Amino acid sequence: MTIGILTQPLSANYGCILQNYALQTILKREGFKVYTINRCKPTMPKSKFIVFCVGSILKRGLLKWIFRKDVILRTWWATKKETTIINQNIDQFIAQNITQTEKFFKNKFDIINKYEFDAYIVGSDQVWRPQYSPCLSNYFLDFLNGNKEVKKIVYAASFGVDNWEFTFQQTEQCSYLAKQFDAISVREDSAIELCDKYLGVEAIHVLDPTMLLKKEDYIDLIKQGNIPERENILFSYLVDESDEKKCSIHKVAEELKLHPISGMPPNSFHLKQSKKDLSDCIYMPVTEWIAGFRDAKFIITDSFHGTVFAILFNKPFVVFENENRGNARLNSLLKMFKIENRLITSNVNFETKLYDLDYSEINRIIEKERDKSLTYLLIALVDTTTRKKKTQKFY
């Protein structure tokens, strides 16, 4: 069986890349031929780009006039060459570890017909969140509308939030398409109710693909990168940095006598005023990022997948709330393992929470949920006609 996975475009996002890597790895181990559909992000039209640049220049001039000093504000986007430099380590991992179709843009899905997929899997990550998936209906396989010859499966799709963000038109279209799926599973417990209430379909709660693999699988990846172990480090992975969060990191590092190491580049390209420090914007290798969780004595993050890897590596951690990116993801994950007290707000003094976690029960839950999730996925692929009957004994 040949499977096509449709997830959001792989870019400089460790969680997005590793969830896709994990799903591909699991399916390949089961003997399936697997491709990730390489849908690329649309490029900005030249006319829009010019308007953007002119607007940025005017904005910068206005701010300079108001504050009587220069401001850090980019007036350009990264060129293709600059993007290649910034993402060089990310792109290398993708090229070496993830099998993709050829590139295509917009809605030209006819380009993938030559792969003759027997099944399509949508997921994981926030593929069902409108602001992250502009062509939302694609993630409901609108290009296969009415096609009953292929299996249509959703694995661990996420809305990101526990409220409904679809427009009326999106709800109407996606509800119609959702009913054509052979099996639907979601990443958050709150998504079960959203599927039922707004899409009119039943869904099962499963693990994020990254948790289908074991810690040992990721350690093997690190060994391939030949990343030496580091001692006495506090590893932080903040996708939305703030002075308050950085202050908390340094405070905890000082208290625990640990050396702070960040899983993000020293600087963001779009926040730099000069092109001279491009080297500070390069993302570290994926294997080095994973090694941060292996080596850490303590972890601080505001990321869903940062939380996942802290749990997989059995590390003490805290995770900052991140409402813009969706707290429902974090709430559901922590609730599953009964460690809701790991979630904190950025203005909370969390010194009292710097204790080790008892991972014996957490690991037992992971094993149980991993078995259930894998069983559901494989039954959905092998025999969707008896899926409901067979999965009842596992849930």
Protein backbone atom coordinates (compact mmCIF):
# COMPACT_ATOMS: atom_id res chain seq x y z
CA MET A 1 0.00 0.00 0.00
CA THR A 2 1.27 3.47 -0.90
CA ILE A 3 0.32 6.28 1.49
CA GLY A 4 0.39 10.04 1.02
CA ILE A 5 0.62 12.17 4.16
CA LEU A 6 -0.79 15.69 3.98
CA THR A 7 0.49 17.94 6.73
CA GLN A 8 1.44 21.61 6.81
CA PRO A 9 4.48 22.56 4.72
CA LEU A 10 7.69 21.45 6.41
CA SER A 11 9.66 24.52 7.45
CA ALA A 12 11.83 25.77 10.29
CA ASN A 13 9.64 24.21 12.96
CA TYR A 14 11.10 21.30 14.89
CA GLY A 15 7.74 19.99 16.08
CA CYS A 16 6.20 20.00 12.61
CA ILE A 17 9.19 18.18 11.13
CA LEU A 18 9.47 15.55 13.86
CA GLN A 19 5.77 14.69 13.94
CA ASN A 20 5.97 13.99 10.22
CA TYR A 21 9.23 12.07 10.61
CA ALA A 22 7.67 9.96 13.37
CA LEU A 23 4.52 9.15 11.40
CA GLN A 24 6.53 8.19 8.32
CA THR A 25 8.90 6.06 10.40
CA ILE A 26 6.07 4.13 12.07
CA LEU A 27 4.32 3.45 8.77
CA LYS A 28 7.52 2.39 7.01
CA ARG A 29 8.24 -0.08 9.80
CA GLU A 30 4.87 -1.64 9.10
CA GLY A 31 5.86 -2.17 5.48
CA PHE A 32 3.99 0.70 3.84
CA LYS A 33 5.43 2.90 1.11
CA VAL A 34 5.05 6.45 2.37
CA TYR A 35 5.42 9.97 0.95
CA THR A 36 4.78 13.34 2.51
CA ILE A 37 2.93 15.49 -0.01
CA ASN A 38 5.35 18.36 -0.60
CA ARG A 39 2.96 21.23 -0.84
CA CYS A 40 4.97 24.45 -0.71
CA LYS A 41 3.97 27.74 0.81
CA PRO A 42 2.80 30.24 -1.79
CA THR A 43 5.24 32.99 -2.64
CA MET A 44 4.25 36.62 -2.17
CA PRO A 45 3.18 38.29 -5.43
CA LYS A 46 5.65 40.94 -6.58
CA SER A 47 3.07 43.74 -6.36
CA LYS A 48 2.16 42.80 -2.79
CA PHE A 49 5.83 42.52 -1.88
CA ILE A 50 6.50 46.08 -3.12
CA VAL A 51 3.55 47.41 -1.10
CA PHE A 52 4.84 45.55 1.96
CA CYS A 53 8.34 47.04 1.61
CA VAL A 54 7.10 50.60 1.04
CA GLY A 55 4.75 50.29 4.01
CA SER A 56 7.56 49.05 6.24
CA ILE A 57 9.83 51.93 5.21
CA LEU A 58 7.13 54.51 5.93
CA LYS A 59 6.32 52.87 9.25
CA ARG A 60 9.95 52.88 10.27
CA GLY A 61 10.31 56.55 9.33
CA LEU A 62 7.22 57.45 11.36
CA LEU A 63 8.46 55.57 14.43
CA LYS A 64 11.87 57.20 14.11
CA TRP A 65 10.23 60.64 13.98
CA ILE A 66 8.07 59.88 17.03
CA PHE A 67 10.79 58.37 19.23
CA ARG A 68 13.65 60.47 17.82
CA LYS A 69 15.81 57.37 17.35
CA ASP A 70 16.19 54.51 14.93
CA VAL A 71 14.08 51.42 15.42
CA ILE A 72 14.76 47.76 14.76
CA LEU A 73 12.37 46.91 11.96
CA ARG A 74 13.09 44.95 8.82
CA THR A 75 11.99 46.38 5.50
CA TRP A 76 12.67 43.23 3.50
CA TRP A 77 11.89 39.53 3.55
CA ALA A 78 14.51 36.84 3.44
CA THR A 79 15.77 36.16 -0.06
CA LYS A 80 15.88 32.58 -1.35
CA LYS A 81 19.63 32.52 -0.67
CA GLU A 82 19.20 33.86 2.88
CA THR A 83 16.43 31.35 3.62
CA THR A 84 18.66 28.54 2.39
CA ILE A 85 21.38 29.64 4.83
CA ILE A 86 19.00 30.06 7.77
CA ASN A 87 17.31 26.68 7.21
CA GLN A 88 20.36 24.72 6.04
CA ASN A 89 20.36 22.30 9.00
CA ILE A 90 16.59 21.86 8.91
CA ASP A 91 16.57 21.20 5.17
CA GLN A 92 19.38 18.67 5.51
CA PHE A 93 17.41 16.65 8.05
CA ILE A 94 14.30 16.67 5.87
CA ALA A 95 16.27 15.59 2.80
CA GLN A 96 17.92 12.73 4.68
CA ASN A 97 15.01 11.47 6.75
CA ILE A 98 11.66 12.33 5.15
CA THR A 99 10.43 10.99 1.81
CA GLN A 100 8.52 13.66 -0.10
CA THR A 101 6.74 13.99 -3.41
CA GLU A 102 7.98 16.55 -5.88
CA LYS A 103 7.21 20.17 -5.03
CA PHE A 104 4.03 21.85 -6.09
CA PHE A 105 2.25 25.09 -5.26
CA LYS A 106 -1.34 26.26 -4.84
CA ASN A 107 -4.05 23.69 -5.56
CA LYS A 108 -2.44 21.72 -8.37
CA PHE A 109 -3.03 18.37 -6.72
CA ASP A 110 -3.12 16.61 -10.08
CA ILE A 111 0.67 16.58 -9.83
CA ILE A 112 0.46 13.83 -7.19
CA ASN A 113 -1.73 11.53 -9.27
CA LYS A 114 1.33 9.78 -10.62
CA TYR A 115 2.14 8.45 -7.15
CA GLU A 116 -1.07 6.40 -7.23
CA PHE A 117 -1.74 6.61 -3.50
CA ASP A 118 -3.96 3.91 -2.04
CA ALA A 119 -4.56 5.96 1.11
CA TYR A 120 -4.23 9.54 2.30
CA ILE A 121 -3.50 10.50 5.90
CA VAL A 122 -4.19 14.06 7.01
CA GLY A 123 -2.17 15.14 10.04
CA SER A 124 -0.80 15.80 12.43
CA ASP A 125 -0.29 19.27 13.96
CA GLN A 126 -2.76 22.15 13.63
CA VAL A 127 -3.91 21.22 10.13
CA TRP A 128 -7.52 21.98 11.05
CA ARG A 129 -6.87 25.49 12.33
CA PRO A 130 -7.92 28.13 9.76
CA GLN A 131 -5.21 30.68 10.55
CA TYR A 132 -2.48 28.05 10.07
CA SER A 133 -4.07 26.39 7.02
CA PRO A 134 -5.31 29.11 4.63
CA CYS A 135 -6.50 26.48 2.11
CA LEU A 136 -8.41 24.72 4.86
CA SER A 137 -10.55 22.52 2.63
CA ASN A 138 -7.41 20.87 1.24
CA TYR A 139 -6.85 19.38 4.69
CA PHE A 140 -10.29 17.80 4.38
CA LEU A 141 -9.15 16.30 1.04
CA ASP A 142 -11.45 18.40 -1.14
CA PHE A 143 -9.37 17.37 -4.15
CA LEU A 144 -10.61 13.79 -3.58
CA ASN A 145 -14.26 14.77 -3.25
CA GLY A 146 -16.39 11.78 -4.22
CA ASN A 147 -13.41 9.47 -4.76
CA LYS A 148 -14.26 6.19 -3.02
CA GLU A 149 -11.34 4.21 -4.41
CA VAL A 150 -8.80 5.48 -1.86
CA LYS A 151 -8.84 5.39 1.92
CA LYS A 152 -9.13 8.75 3.65
CA ILE A 153 -7.80 8.88 7.19
CA VAL A 154 -7.16 11.65 9.68
CA TYR A 155 -4.48 11.01 12.29
CA ALA A 156 -4.15 13.34 15.29
CA ALA A 157 -5.48 16.44 13.55
CA SER A 158 -5.55 19.49 15.79
CA PHE A 159 -7.77 22.57 15.97
CA GLY A 160 -5.25 24.05 18.43
CA VAL A 161 -8.00 25.63 20.51
CA ASP A 162 -11.18 24.42 22.19
CA ASN A 163 -13.44 26.98 20.51
CA TRP A 164 -14.74 26.95 16.92
CA GLU A 165 -12.77 29.23 14.57
CA PHE A 166 -14.27 28.15 11.21
CA THR A 167 -16.47 30.56 9.28
CA PHE A 168 -19.99 29.47 8.37
CA GLN A 169 -18.86 28.67 4.81
CA GLN A 170 -15.85 26.69 6.05
CA THR A 171 -18.01 24.77 8.49
CA GLU A 172 -20.52 23.88 5.81
CA GLN A 173 -17.89 22.73 3.30
CA CYS A 174 -15.64 20.89 5.78
CA SER A 175 -18.58 19.16 7.46
CA TYR A 176 -19.58 17.72 4.09
CA LEU A 177 -16.02 16.57 3.35
CA ALA A 178 -15.39 15.19 6.85
CA LYS A 179 -18.19 12.68 6.40
CA GLN A 180 -16.24 11.12 3.52
CA PHE A 181 -13.35 10.06 5.77
CA ASP A 182 -12.97 6.40 6.69
CA ALA A 183 -11.43 7.17 10.09
CA ILE A 184 -10.93 10.36 12.08
CA SER A 185 -8.68 10.82 15.09
CA VAL A 186 -7.72 14.05 16.85
CA ARG A 187 -4.88 15.21 19.07
CA GLU A 188 -6.87 16.97 21.82
CA ASP A 189 -9.73 15.64 23.91
CA SER A 190 -11.69 18.87 23.31
CA ALA A 191 -11.55 18.23 19.55
CA ILE A 192 -13.86 15.22 19.93
CA GLU A 193 -16.73 17.51 20.88
CA LEU A 194 -15.86 20.03 18.15
CA CYS A 195 -15.97 17.27 15.52
CA ASP A 196 -19.31 16.05 16.80
CA LYS A 197 -20.94 19.46 17.22
CA TYR A 198 -19.72 21.27 14.10
CA LEU A 199 -18.63 18.59 11.63
CA GLY A 200 -21.16 15.93 12.55
CA VAL A 201 -18.56 13.14 12.76
CA GLU A 202 -17.16 10.86 15.44
CA ALA A 203 -13.49 11.15 16.35
CA ILE A 204 -11.04 9.25 18.53
CA HIS A 205 -8.43 10.88 20.78
CA VAL A 206 -4.90 9.65 19.97
CA LEU A 207 -1.28 10.53 20.68
CA ASP A 208 0.70 13.03 18.65
CA PRO A 209 2.87 11.08 16.14
CA THR A 210 6.07 12.08 17.97
CA MET A 211 4.94 9.95 20.91
CA LEU A 212 4.44 6.88 18.75
CA LEU A 213 8.22 6.58 18.77
CA LYS A 214 10.15 5.83 21.94
CA LYS A 215 12.97 7.77 23.56
CA GLU A 216 15.41 5.18 22.24
CA ASP A 217 14.36 5.98 18.66
CA TYR A 218 15.32 9.61 19.15
CA ILE A 219 18.57 8.69 20.88
CA ASP A 220 19.47 6.68 17.78
CA LEU A 221 18.86 9.82 15.72
CA ILE A 222 21.15 11.82 18.01
CA LYS A 223 23.87 9.21 17.59
CA GLN A 224 23.64 9.64 13.84
CA GLY A 225 24.38 13.32 14.37
CA ASN A 226 27.26 12.45 16.69
CA ILE A 227 26.17 15.06 19.25
CA PRO A 228 28.32 14.88 22.43
CA GLU A 229 26.57 14.96 25.80
CA ARG A 230 26.62 18.15 27.83
CA GLU A 231 26.43 18.41 31.58
CA ASN A 232 24.53 20.72 33.92
CA ILE A 233 22.39 22.47 31.35
CA LEU A 234 18.95 24.04 31.47
CA PHE A 235 17.38 23.65 28.04
CA SER A 236 14.79 26.18 26.91
CA TYR A 237 12.66 26.10 23.79
CA LEU A 238 10.56 29.23 23.41
CA VAL A 239 8.73 29.79 20.14
CA ASP A 240 7.45 33.13 21.44
CA GLU A 241 10.17 34.79 23.46
CA SER A 242 9.61 37.66 25.87
CA ASP A 243 11.81 39.50 28.35
CA GLU A 244 9.72 38.05 31.15
CA LYS A 245 10.25 34.48 30.00
CA LYS A 246 13.97 35.01 29.50
CA CYS A 247 14.21 36.52 32.97
CA SER A 248 12.53 33.41 34.40
CA ILE A 249 14.99 31.15 32.59
CA HIS A 250 18.02 32.94 33.99
CA LYS A 251 16.50 32.98 37.46
CA VAL A 252 15.88 29.22 37.45
CA ALA A 253 19.29 28.48 35.90
CA GLU A 254 20.96 30.48 38.64
CA GLU A 255 18.92 28.79 41.35
CA LEU A 256 19.66 25.30 40.04
CA LYS A 257 23.25 26.18 39.12
CA LEU A 258 22.73 25.18 35.50
CA HIS A 259 24.01 26.62 32.23
CA PRO A 260 21.10 27.88 30.05
CA ILE A 261 21.03 26.72 26.44
CA SER A 262 18.33 27.76 23.96
CA GLY A 263 16.79 25.57 21.28
CA MET A 264 16.22 28.60 19.05
CA PRO A 265 18.70 30.72 17.05
CA PRO A 266 20.27 33.65 18.94
CA ASN A 267 18.36 36.07 16.74
CA SER A 268 15.30 36.11 14.51
CA PHE A 269 15.96 37.24 10.94
CA HIS A 270 12.86 39.43 10.80
CA LEU A 271 13.82 41.33 13.95
CA LYS A 272 17.29 42.29 12.81
CA GLN A 273 18.11 45.65 11.35
CA SER A 274 21.21 44.56 9.49
CA LYS A 275 22.00 41.71 7.14
CA LYS A 276 25.48 41.31 8.61
CA ASP A 277 24.56 38.85 11.37
CA LEU A 278 22.78 36.20 9.32
CA SER A 279 24.84 33.49 11.05
CA ASP A 280 23.00 34.25 14.30
CA CYS A 281 19.70 33.34 12.63
CA ILE A 282 20.63 29.79 11.56
CA TYR A 283 18.54 27.01 13.11
CA MET A 284 20.53 24.31 14.87
CA PRO A 285 20.47 20.74 13.49
CA VAL A 286 17.38 18.74 14.42
CA THR A 287 19.53 16.12 16.15
CA GLU A 288 21.18 18.81 18.27
CA TRP A 289 17.75 20.15 19.23
CA ILE A 290 16.66 16.68 20.38
CA ALA A 291 19.97 16.30 22.26
CA GLY A 292 19.00 19.35 24.30
CA PHE A 293 16.20 17.29 25.85
CA ARG A 294 18.50 14.31 26.36
CA ASP A 295 21.09 16.38 28.24
CA ALA A 296 18.86 18.78 30.19
CA LYS A 297 18.59 18.72 33.95
CA PHE A 298 15.57 21.00 33.63
CA ILE A 299 13.46 22.22 30.70
CA ILE A 300 11.46 25.41 30.18
CA THR A 301 9.28 25.74 27.10
CA ASP A 302 6.12 27.35 25.69
CA SER A 303 5.74 24.76 22.95
CA PHE A 304 3.51 21.72 22.58
CA HIS A 305 6.28 19.61 21.11
CA GLY A 306 8.78 21.02 23.57
CA THR A 307 6.49 19.60 26.25
CA VAL A 308 6.19 16.28 24.40
CA PHE A 309 9.96 15.77 24.27
CA ALA A 310 10.41 16.80 27.90
CA ILE A 311 7.94 14.03 28.80
CA LEU A 312 9.47 11.46 26.43
CA PHE A 313 12.91 12.05 27.96
CA ASN A 314 11.47 11.98 31.49
CA LYS A 315 12.77 15.43 32.44
CA PRO A 316 11.50 17.90 35.04
CA PHE A 317 9.94 20.82 33.20
CA VAL A 318 7.49 23.69 33.14
CA VAL A 319 5.60 25.03 30.14
CA PHE A 320 4.41 28.61 29.77
CA GLU A 321 0.87 29.17 28.58
CA ASN A 322 0.78 30.16 24.91
CA GLU A 323 -2.75 31.29 24.17
CA ASN A 324 -2.00 32.64 20.69
CA ARG A 325 -0.80 29.24 19.51
CA GLY A 326 -3.48 27.38 21.44
CA ASN A 327 -3.61 26.26 25.07
CA ALA A 328 -6.06 23.44 24.36
CA ARG A 329 -3.15 21.40 23.01
CA LEU A 330 -1.17 21.82 26.21
CA ASN A 331 -4.14 21.31 28.51
CA SER A 332 -5.10 18.04 26.83
CA LEU A 333 -1.54 16.70 26.82
CA LEU A 334 -0.86 17.50 30.47
CA LYS A 335 -4.29 16.25 31.53
CA MET A 336 -3.62 12.88 29.91
CA PHE A 337 -0.59 12.40 32.17
CA LYS A 338 -2.14 14.09 35.23
CA ILE A 339 0.53 16.79 35.42
CA GLU A 340 -1.55 19.93 34.84
CA ASN A 341 0.55 21.80 37.42
CA ARG A 342 3.37 21.96 34.85
CA LEU A 343 1.44 24.67 32.96
CA ILE A 344 2.24 28.15 34.25
CA THR A 345 1.66 31.77 33.34
CA SER A 346 4.67 33.95 32.60
CA ASN A 347 4.09 36.15 35.66
CA VAL A 348 3.85 33.28 38.16
CA ASN A 349 6.65 32.55 40.57
CA PHE A 350 7.11 28.83 40.00
CA GLU A 351 10.00 28.14 42.37
CA THR A 352 7.88 25.64 44.31
CA LYS A 353 7.35 23.60 41.15
CA LEU A 354 11.00 22.87 40.50
CA TYR A 355 10.77 19.29 41.72
CA ASP A 356 11.30 16.06 39.82
CA LEU A 357 8.32 14.26 38.37
CA ASP A 358 7.46 10.65 39.14
CA TYR A 359 7.63 9.24 35.63
CA SER A 360 6.73 5.65 36.49
CA GLU A 361 2.99 6.32 36.13
CA ILE A 362 3.49 8.72 33.21
CA ASN A 363 5.48 6.10 31.27
CA ARG A 364 2.78 3.51 31.94
CA ILE A 365 0.17 5.84 30.46
CA ILE A 366 2.40 6.55 27.44
CA GLU A 367 2.76 2.83 26.70
CA LYS A 368 -0.97 2.26 27.01
CA GLU A 369 -1.90 5.24 24.80
CA ARG A 370 0.81 4.37 22.28
CA ASP A 371 -0.60 0.86 21.86
CA LYS A 372 -4.13 2.21 21.44
CA SER A 373 -3.08 4.87 18.95
CA LEU A 374 -1.01 2.50 16.82
CA THR A 375 -3.76 -0.11 16.82
CA TYR A 376 -6.31 2.44 15.70
CA LEU A 377 -4.09 3.75 12.90
CA LEU A 378 -3.17 0.34 11.54
CA ILE A 379 -6.72 -1.02 11.65
CA ALA A 380 -7.93 2.12 9.87
CA LEU A 381 -5.39 1.52 7.11
CA VAL A 382 -5.79 -2.22 6.74
CA ASP A 383 -9.57 -2.62 7.04
CA THR A 384 -11.66 0.51 7.45
CA THR A 385 -14.92 -1.38 6.90
CA THR A 386 -14.58 -3.15 10.27
CA ARG A 387 -12.71 -0.36 12.05
CA LYS A 388 -15.45 0.54 14.53
CA LYS A 389 -16.10 -3.05 15.56
CA LYS A 390 -12.44 -3.90 16.00
CA THR A 391 -11.38 -0.80 17.90
CA GLN A 392 -14.09 -1.18 20.52
CA LYS A 393 -12.04 -3.73 22.44
CA PHE A 394 -9.12 -1.30 22.65
CA TYR A 395 -11.08 1.71 23.94
